[in-house]
PDB file of N, CA and C in Angstrom:
ATOM      1  N   UNK A   1     -10.781 -11.534  -1.142  1.00  0.00           N
ATOM      2  CA  UNK A   1     -11.085 -10.515  -2.122  1.00  0.00           C
ATOM      3  C   UNK A   1      -9.784 -10.043  -2.770  1.00  0.00           C
ATOM      4  N   UNK A   2      -9.732 -10.086  -4.067  1.00  0.00           N
ATOM      5  CA  UNK A   2      -8.548  -9.653  -4.797  1.00  0.00           C
ATOM      6  C   UNK A   2      -8.462  -8.131  -4.799  1.00  0.00           C
ATOM      7  N   UNK A   3      -7.257  -7.622  -4.535  1.00  0.00           N
ATOM      8  CA  UNK A   3      -7.036  -6.175  -4.543  1.00  0.00           C
ATOM      9  C   UNK A   3      -6.262  -5.769  -5.788  1.00  0.00           C
ATOM     10  N   UNK A   4      -6.641  -4.642  -6.324  1.00  0.00           N
ATOM     11  CA  UNK A   4      -5.949  -4.045  -7.461  1.00  0.00           C
ATOM     12  C   UNK A   4      -5.420  -2.678  -7.010  1.00  0.00           C
ATOM     13  N   UNK A   5      -4.611  -2.045  -7.840  1.00  0.00           N
ATOM     14  CA  UNK A   5      -4.025  -0.748  -7.496  1.00  0.00           C
ATOM     15  C   UNK A   5      -5.085   0.287  -7.152  1.00  0.00           C
ATOM     16  N   UNK A   6      -6.275   0.182  -7.748  1.00  0.00           N
ATOM     17  CA  UNK A   6      -7.322   1.177  -7.485  1.00  0.00           C
ATOM     18  C   UNK A   6      -7.937   1.032  -6.093  1.00  0.00           C
ATOM     19  N   UNK A   7      -7.695  -0.070  -5.422  1.00  0.00           N
ATOM     20  CA  UNK A   7      -8.246  -0.311  -4.082  1.00  0.00           C
ATOM     21  C   UNK A   7      -7.339   0.299  -3.017  1.00  0.00           C
ATOM     22  N   UNK A   8      -7.147   1.599  -3.113  1.00  0.00           N
ATOM     23  CA  UNK A   8      -6.182   2.321  -2.285  1.00  0.00           C
ATOM     24  C   UNK A   8      -6.453   2.129  -0.793  1.00  0.00           C
ATOM     25  N   UNK A   9      -7.680   2.327  -0.367  1.00  0.00           N
ATOM     26  CA  UNK A   9      -7.993   2.217   1.062  1.00  0.00           C
ATOM     27  C   UNK A   9      -7.818   0.785   1.572  1.00  0.00           C
ATOM     28  N   UNK A  10      -8.277  -0.189   0.795  1.00  0.00           N
ATOM     29  CA  UNK A  10      -8.112  -1.596   1.197  1.00  0.00           C
ATOM     30  C   UNK A  10      -6.636  -1.962   1.317  1.00  0.00           C
ATOM     31  N   UNK A  11      -5.830  -1.474   0.392  1.00  0.00           N
ATOM     32  CA  UNK A  11      -4.389  -1.736   0.442  1.00  0.00           C
ATOM     33  C   UNK A  11      -3.791  -1.082   1.682  1.00  0.00           C
ATOM     34  N   UNK A  12      -4.187   0.161   1.963  1.00  0.00           N
ATOM     35  CA  UNK A  12      -3.661   0.867   3.136  1.00  0.00           C
ATOM     36  C   UNK A  12      -4.005   0.123   4.419  1.00  0.00           C
ATOM     37  N   UNK A  13      -5.222  -0.374   4.521  1.00  0.00           N
ATOM     38  CA  UNK A  13      -5.635  -1.127   5.703  1.00  0.00           C
ATOM     39  C   UNK A  13      -4.826  -2.411   5.830  1.00  0.00           C
ATOM     40  N   UNK A  14      -4.656  -3.116   4.714  1.00  0.00           N
ATOM     41  CA  UNK A  14      -3.877  -4.357   4.728  1.00  0.00           C
ATOM     42  C   UNK A  14      -2.424  -4.094   5.123  1.00  0.00           C
ATOM     43  N   UNK A  15      -1.859  -2.992   4.646  1.00  0.00           N
ATOM     44  CA  UNK A  15      -0.482  -2.657   5.005  1.00  0.00           C
ATOM     45  C   UNK A  15      -0.362  -2.298   6.483  1.00  0.00           C
ATOM     46  N   UNK A  16      -1.347  -1.588   7.007  1.00  0.00           N
ATOM     47  CA  UNK A  16      -1.293  -1.230   8.425  1.00  0.00           C
ATOM     48  C   UNK A  16      -1.405  -2.469   9.308  1.00  0.00           C
ATOM     49  N   UNK A  17      -2.138  -3.468   8.848  1.00  0.00           N
ATOM     50  CA  UNK A  17      -2.241  -4.725   9.594  1.00  0.00           C
ATOM     51  C   UNK A  17      -0.976  -5.569   9.441  1.00  0.00           C
ATOM     52  N   UNK A  18      -0.382  -5.544   8.256  1.00  0.00           N
ATOM     53  CA  UNK A  18       0.813  -6.353   7.997  1.00  0.00           C
ATOM     54  C   UNK A  18       2.073  -5.753   8.616  1.00  0.00           C
ATOM     55  N   UNK A  19       2.086  -4.428   8.768  1.00  0.00           N
ATOM     56  CA  UNK A  19       3.268  -3.729   9.293  1.00  0.00           C
ATOM     57  C   UNK A  19       2.839  -2.745  10.385  1.00  0.00           C
ATOM     58  N   UNK A  20       2.337  -3.260  11.522  1.00  0.00           N
ATOM     59  CA  UNK A  20       1.776  -2.373  12.552  1.00  0.00           C
ATOM     60  C   UNK A  20       2.789  -1.451  13.231  1.00  0.00           C
ATOM     61  N   UNK A  21       4.055  -1.804  13.209  1.00  0.00           N
ATOM     62  CA  UNK A  21       5.070  -0.998  13.890  1.00  0.00           C
ATOM     63  C   UNK A  21       5.792  -0.016  12.973  1.00  0.00           C
ATOM     64  N   UNK A  22       5.313   0.109  11.738  1.00  0.00           N
ATOM     65  CA  UNK A  22       5.971   0.970  10.754  1.00  0.00           C
ATOM     66  C   UNK A  22       5.241   2.306  10.671  1.00  0.00           C
ATOM     67  N   UNK A  23       6.017   3.388  10.656  1.00  0.00           N
ATOM     68  CA  UNK A  23       5.440   4.717  10.426  1.00  0.00           C
ATOM     69  C   UNK A  23       5.428   4.935   8.907  1.00  0.00           C
ATOM     70  N   UNK A  24       4.236   4.961   8.299  1.00  0.00           N
ATOM     71  CA  UNK A  24       4.156   5.041   6.836  1.00  0.00           C
ATOM     72  C   UNK A  24       4.752   6.309   6.236  1.00  0.00           C
ATOM     73  N   UNK A  25       4.955   7.345   7.059  1.00  0.00           N
ATOM     74  CA  UNK A  25       5.538   8.587   6.531  1.00  0.00           C
ATOM     75  C   UNK A  25       6.984   8.385   6.087  1.00  0.00           C
ATOM     76  N   UNK A  26       7.627   7.341   6.601  1.00  0.00           N
ATOM     77  CA  UNK A  26       9.048   7.135   6.315  1.00  0.00           C
ATOM     78  C   UNK A  26       9.322   5.935   5.407  1.00  0.00           C
ATOM     79  N   UNK A  27       8.285   5.440   4.741  1.00  0.00           N
ATOM     80  CA  UNK A  27       8.448   4.314   3.824  1.00  0.00           C
ATOM     81  C   UNK A  27       8.671   4.876   2.415  1.00  0.00           C
ATOM     82  N   UNK A  28       9.787   4.492   1.795  1.00  0.00           N
ATOM     83  CA  UNK A  28      10.024   4.977   0.429  1.00  0.00           C
ATOM     84  C   UNK A  28       9.163   4.181  -0.556  1.00  0.00           C
ATOM     85  N   UNK A  29       9.016   4.720  -1.763  1.00  0.00           N
ATOM     86  CA  UNK A  29       8.106   4.128  -2.734  1.00  0.00           C
ATOM     87  C   UNK A  29       8.559   2.753  -3.217  1.00  0.00           C
ATOM     88  N   UNK A  30       9.844   2.499  -3.254  1.00  0.00           N
ATOM     89  CA  UNK A  30      10.330   1.175  -3.675  1.00  0.00           C
ATOM     90  C   UNK A  30       9.871   0.122  -2.668  1.00  0.00           C
ATOM     91  N   UNK A  31      10.081   0.414  -1.394  1.00  0.00           N
ATOM     92  CA  UNK A  31       9.661  -0.522  -0.347  1.00  0.00           C
ATOM     93  C   UNK A  31       8.140  -0.644  -0.330  1.00  0.00           C
ATOM     94  N   UNK A  32       7.443   0.482  -0.476  1.00  0.00           N
ATOM     95  CA  UNK A  32       5.986   0.461  -0.471  1.00  0.00           C
ATOM     96  C   UNK A  32       5.449  -0.421  -1.599  1.00  0.00           C
ATOM     97  N   UNK A  33       5.993  -0.262  -2.788  1.00  0.00           N
ATOM     98  CA  UNK A  33       5.555  -1.084  -3.929  1.00  0.00           C
ATOM     99  C   UNK A  33       5.804  -2.562  -3.648  1.00  0.00           C
ATOM    100  N   UNK A  34       6.969  -2.871  -3.086  1.00  0.00           N
ATOM    101  CA  UNK A  34       7.283  -4.267  -2.767  1.00  0.00           C
ATOM    102  C   UNK A  34       6.315  -4.835  -1.739  1.00  0.00           C
ATOM    103  N   UNK A  35       5.987  -4.042  -0.724  1.00  0.00           N
ATOM    104  CA  UNK A  35       5.054  -4.504   0.305  1.00  0.00           C
ATOM    105  C   UNK A  35       3.651  -4.691  -0.264  1.00  0.00           C
ATOM    106  N   UNK A  36       3.221  -3.794  -1.132  1.00  0.00           N
ATOM    107  CA  UNK A  36       1.889  -3.913  -1.742  1.00  0.00           C
ATOM    108  C   UNK A  36       1.822  -5.180  -2.587  1.00  0.00           C
ATOM    109  N   UNK A  37       2.800  -5.377  -3.441  1.00  0.00           N
ATOM    110  CA  UNK A  37       2.753  -6.533  -4.331  1.00  0.00           C
ATOM    111  C   UNK A  37       2.939  -7.850  -3.580  1.00  0.00           C
ATOM    112  N   UNK A  38       3.477  -7.789  -2.359  1.00  0.00           N
ATOM    113  CA  UNK A  38       3.653  -8.992  -1.546  1.00  0.00           C
ATOM    114  C   UNK A  38       2.400  -9.352  -0.751  1.00  0.00           C
ATOM    115  N   UNK A  39       1.425  -8.447  -0.699  1.00  0.00           N
ATOM    116  CA  UNK A  39       0.197  -8.755   0.034  1.00  0.00           C
ATOM    117  C   UNK A  39      -0.492  -9.962  -0.615  1.00  0.00           C
ATOM    118  N   UNK A  40      -0.949 -10.920   0.186  1.00  0.00           N
ATOM    119  CA  UNK A  40      -1.558 -12.130  -0.387  1.00  0.00           C
ATOM    120  C   UNK A  40      -2.794 -11.854  -1.244  1.00  0.00           C
ATOM    121  N   UNK A  41      -3.532 -10.800  -0.911  1.00  0.00           N
ATOM    122  CA  UNK A  41      -4.760 -10.491  -1.648  1.00  0.00           C
ATOM    123  C   UNK A  41      -4.509  -9.668  -2.912  1.00  0.00           C
ATOM    124  N   UNK A  42      -3.281  -9.199  -3.101  1.00  0.00           N
ATOM    125  CA  UNK A  42      -2.987  -8.317  -4.226  1.00  0.00           C
ATOM    126  C   UNK A  42      -2.840  -9.122  -5.509  1.00  0.00           C
ATOM    127  N   UNK A  43      -3.647  -8.752  -6.508  1.00  0.00           N
ATOM    128  CA  UNK A  43      -3.629  -9.454  -7.799  1.00  0.00           C
ATOM    129  C   UNK A  43      -3.733  -8.450  -8.941  1.00  0.00           C
ATOM    130  N   UNK A  44      -2.657  -7.726  -9.171  1.00  0.00           N
ATOM    131  CA  UNK A  44      -2.641  -6.770 -10.275  1.00  0.00           C
ATOM    132  C   UNK A  44      -1.228  -6.734 -10.836  1.00  0.00           C
ATOM    133  N   UNK A  45      -1.074  -6.099 -11.964  1.00  0.00           N
ATOM    134  CA  UNK A  45       0.233  -5.980 -12.600  1.00  0.00           C
ATOM    135  C   UNK A  45       1.101  -5.037 -11.765  1.00  0.00           C
ATOM    136  N   UNK A  46       2.213  -5.524 -11.217  1.00  0.00           N
ATOM    137  CA  UNK A  46       3.072  -4.678 -10.383  1.00  0.00           C
ATOM    138  C   UNK A  46       3.567  -3.424 -11.101  1.00  0.00           C
ATOM    139  N   UNK A  47       3.698  -3.477 -12.405  1.00  0.00           N
ATOM    140  CA  UNK A  47       4.202  -2.333 -13.166  1.00  0.00           C
ATOM    141  C   UNK A  47       3.191  -1.196 -13.283  1.00  0.00           C
ATOM    142  N   UNK A  48       1.934  -1.453 -12.965  1.00  0.00           N
ATOM    143  CA  UNK A  48       0.904  -0.420 -13.102  1.00  0.00           C
ATOM    144  C   UNK A  48       0.859   0.514 -11.907  1.00  0.00           C
ATOM    145  N   UNK A  49       1.558   0.186 -10.840  1.00  0.00           N
ATOM    146  CA  UNK A  49       1.549   1.029  -9.647  1.00  0.00           C
ATOM    147  C   UNK A  49       2.557   2.155  -9.755  1.00  0.00           C
ATOM    148  N   UNK A  50       2.119   3.269 -10.310  1.00  0.00           N
ATOM    149  CA  UNK A  50       3.008   4.402 -10.487  1.00  0.00           C
ATOM    150  C   UNK A  50       3.103   5.259  -9.231  1.00  0.00           C
ATOM    151  N   UNK A  51       3.830   6.350  -9.346  1.00  0.00           N
ATOM    152  CA  UNK A  51       4.090   7.226  -8.209  1.00  0.00           C
ATOM    153  C   UNK A  51       2.804   7.809  -7.623  1.00  0.00           C
ATOM    154  N   UNK A  52       1.859   8.180  -8.479  1.00  0.00           N
ATOM    155  CA  UNK A  52       0.618   8.780  -7.971  1.00  0.00           C
ATOM    156  C   UNK A  52      -0.190   7.805  -7.138  1.00  0.00           C
ATOM    157  N   UNK A  53      -0.297   6.565  -7.572  1.00  0.00           N
ATOM    158  CA  UNK A  53      -1.065   5.589  -6.802  1.00  0.00           C
ATOM    159  C   UNK A  53      -0.323   5.227  -5.517  1.00  0.00           C
ATOM    160  N   UNK A  54       0.998   5.181  -5.566  1.00  0.00           N
ATOM    161  CA  UNK A  54       1.767   4.919  -4.354  1.00  0.00           C
ATOM    162  C   UNK A  54       1.606   6.060  -3.353  1.00  0.00           C
ATOM    163  N   UNK A  55       1.569   7.283  -3.848  1.00  0.00           N
ATOM    164  CA  UNK A  55       1.321   8.446  -2.986  1.00  0.00           C
ATOM    165  C   UNK A  55      -0.046   8.341  -2.324  1.00  0.00           C
ATOM    166  N   UNK A  56      -1.048   7.949  -3.095  1.00  0.00           N
ATOM    167  CA  UNK A  56      -2.399   7.818  -2.562  1.00  0.00           C
ATOM    168  C   UNK A  56      -2.465   6.722  -1.502  1.00  0.00           C
ATOM    169  N   UNK A  57      -1.786   5.606  -1.752  1.00  0.00           N
ATOM    170  CA  UNK A  57      -1.748   4.514  -0.774  1.00  0.00           C
ATOM    171  C   UNK A  57      -1.058   4.977   0.500  1.00  0.00           C
ATOM    172  N   UNK A  58       0.069   5.652   0.347  1.00  0.00           N
ATOM    173  CA  UNK A  58       0.807   6.121   1.515  1.00  0.00           C
ATOM    174  C   UNK A  58      -0.036   7.122   2.320  1.00  0.00           C
ATOM    175  N   UNK A  59      -0.725   8.020   1.648  1.00  0.00           N
ATOM    176  CA  UNK A  59      -1.580   8.993   2.337  1.00  0.00           C
ATOM    177  C   UNK A  59      -2.702   8.298   3.094  1.00  0.00           C
ATOM    178  N   UNK A  60      -3.323   7.312   2.465  1.00  0.00           N
ATOM    179  CA  UNK A  60      -4.405   6.577   3.129  1.00  0.00           C
ATOM    180  C   UNK A  60      -3.863   5.793   4.319  1.00  0.00           C
ATOM    181  N   UNK A  61      -2.682   5.243   4.187  1.00  0.00           N
ATOM    182  CA  UNK A  61      -2.062   4.502   5.287  1.00  0.00           C
ATOM    183  C   UNK A  61      -1.748   5.439   6.461  1.00  0.00           C
ATOM    184  N   UNK A  62      -1.265   6.635   6.160  1.00  0.00           N
ATOM    185  CA  UNK A  62      -0.983   7.632   7.205  1.00  0.00           C
ATOM    186  C   UNK A  62      -2.279   7.975   7.944  1.00  0.00           C
ATOM    187  N   UNK A  63      -3.367   8.160   7.198  1.00  0.00           N
ATOM    188  CA  UNK A  63      -4.656   8.454   7.835  1.00  0.00           C
ATOM    189  C   UNK A  63      -5.107   7.289   8.714  1.00  0.00           C
ATOM    190  N   UNK A  64      -4.903   6.063   8.250  1.00  0.00           N
ATOM    191  CA  UNK A  64      -5.261   4.885   9.034  1.00  0.00           C
ATOM    192  C   UNK A  64      -4.444   4.819  10.326  1.00  0.00           C
ATOM    193  N   UNK A  65      -3.178   5.194  10.233  1.00  0.00           N
ATOM    194  CA  UNK A  65      -2.287   5.115  11.394  1.00  0.00           C
ATOM    195  C   UNK A  65      -2.614   6.165  12.440  1.00  0.00           C
ATOM    196  N   UNK A  66      -3.190   7.284  12.033  1.00  0.00           N
ATOM    197  CA  UNK A  66      -3.493   8.379  12.978  1.00  0.00           C
ATOM    198  C   UNK A  66      -4.744   8.166  13.768  1.00  0.00           C
TER     199      UNK A  66
END
């Protein structure tokens, strides 16, 4: 299934599976964007992932980790 920036929860789940030993509270947005765009299922324009969507992804990832 192809993921786009709007698939915040799916991206958060994929990141938690890809980086199980990472505390998402300490991931900066540059690294987060790189990790999202590197996901094999991710198929969207990397430039469309602004700060608000990265914040939403990080928040969802934190919830997944807890």
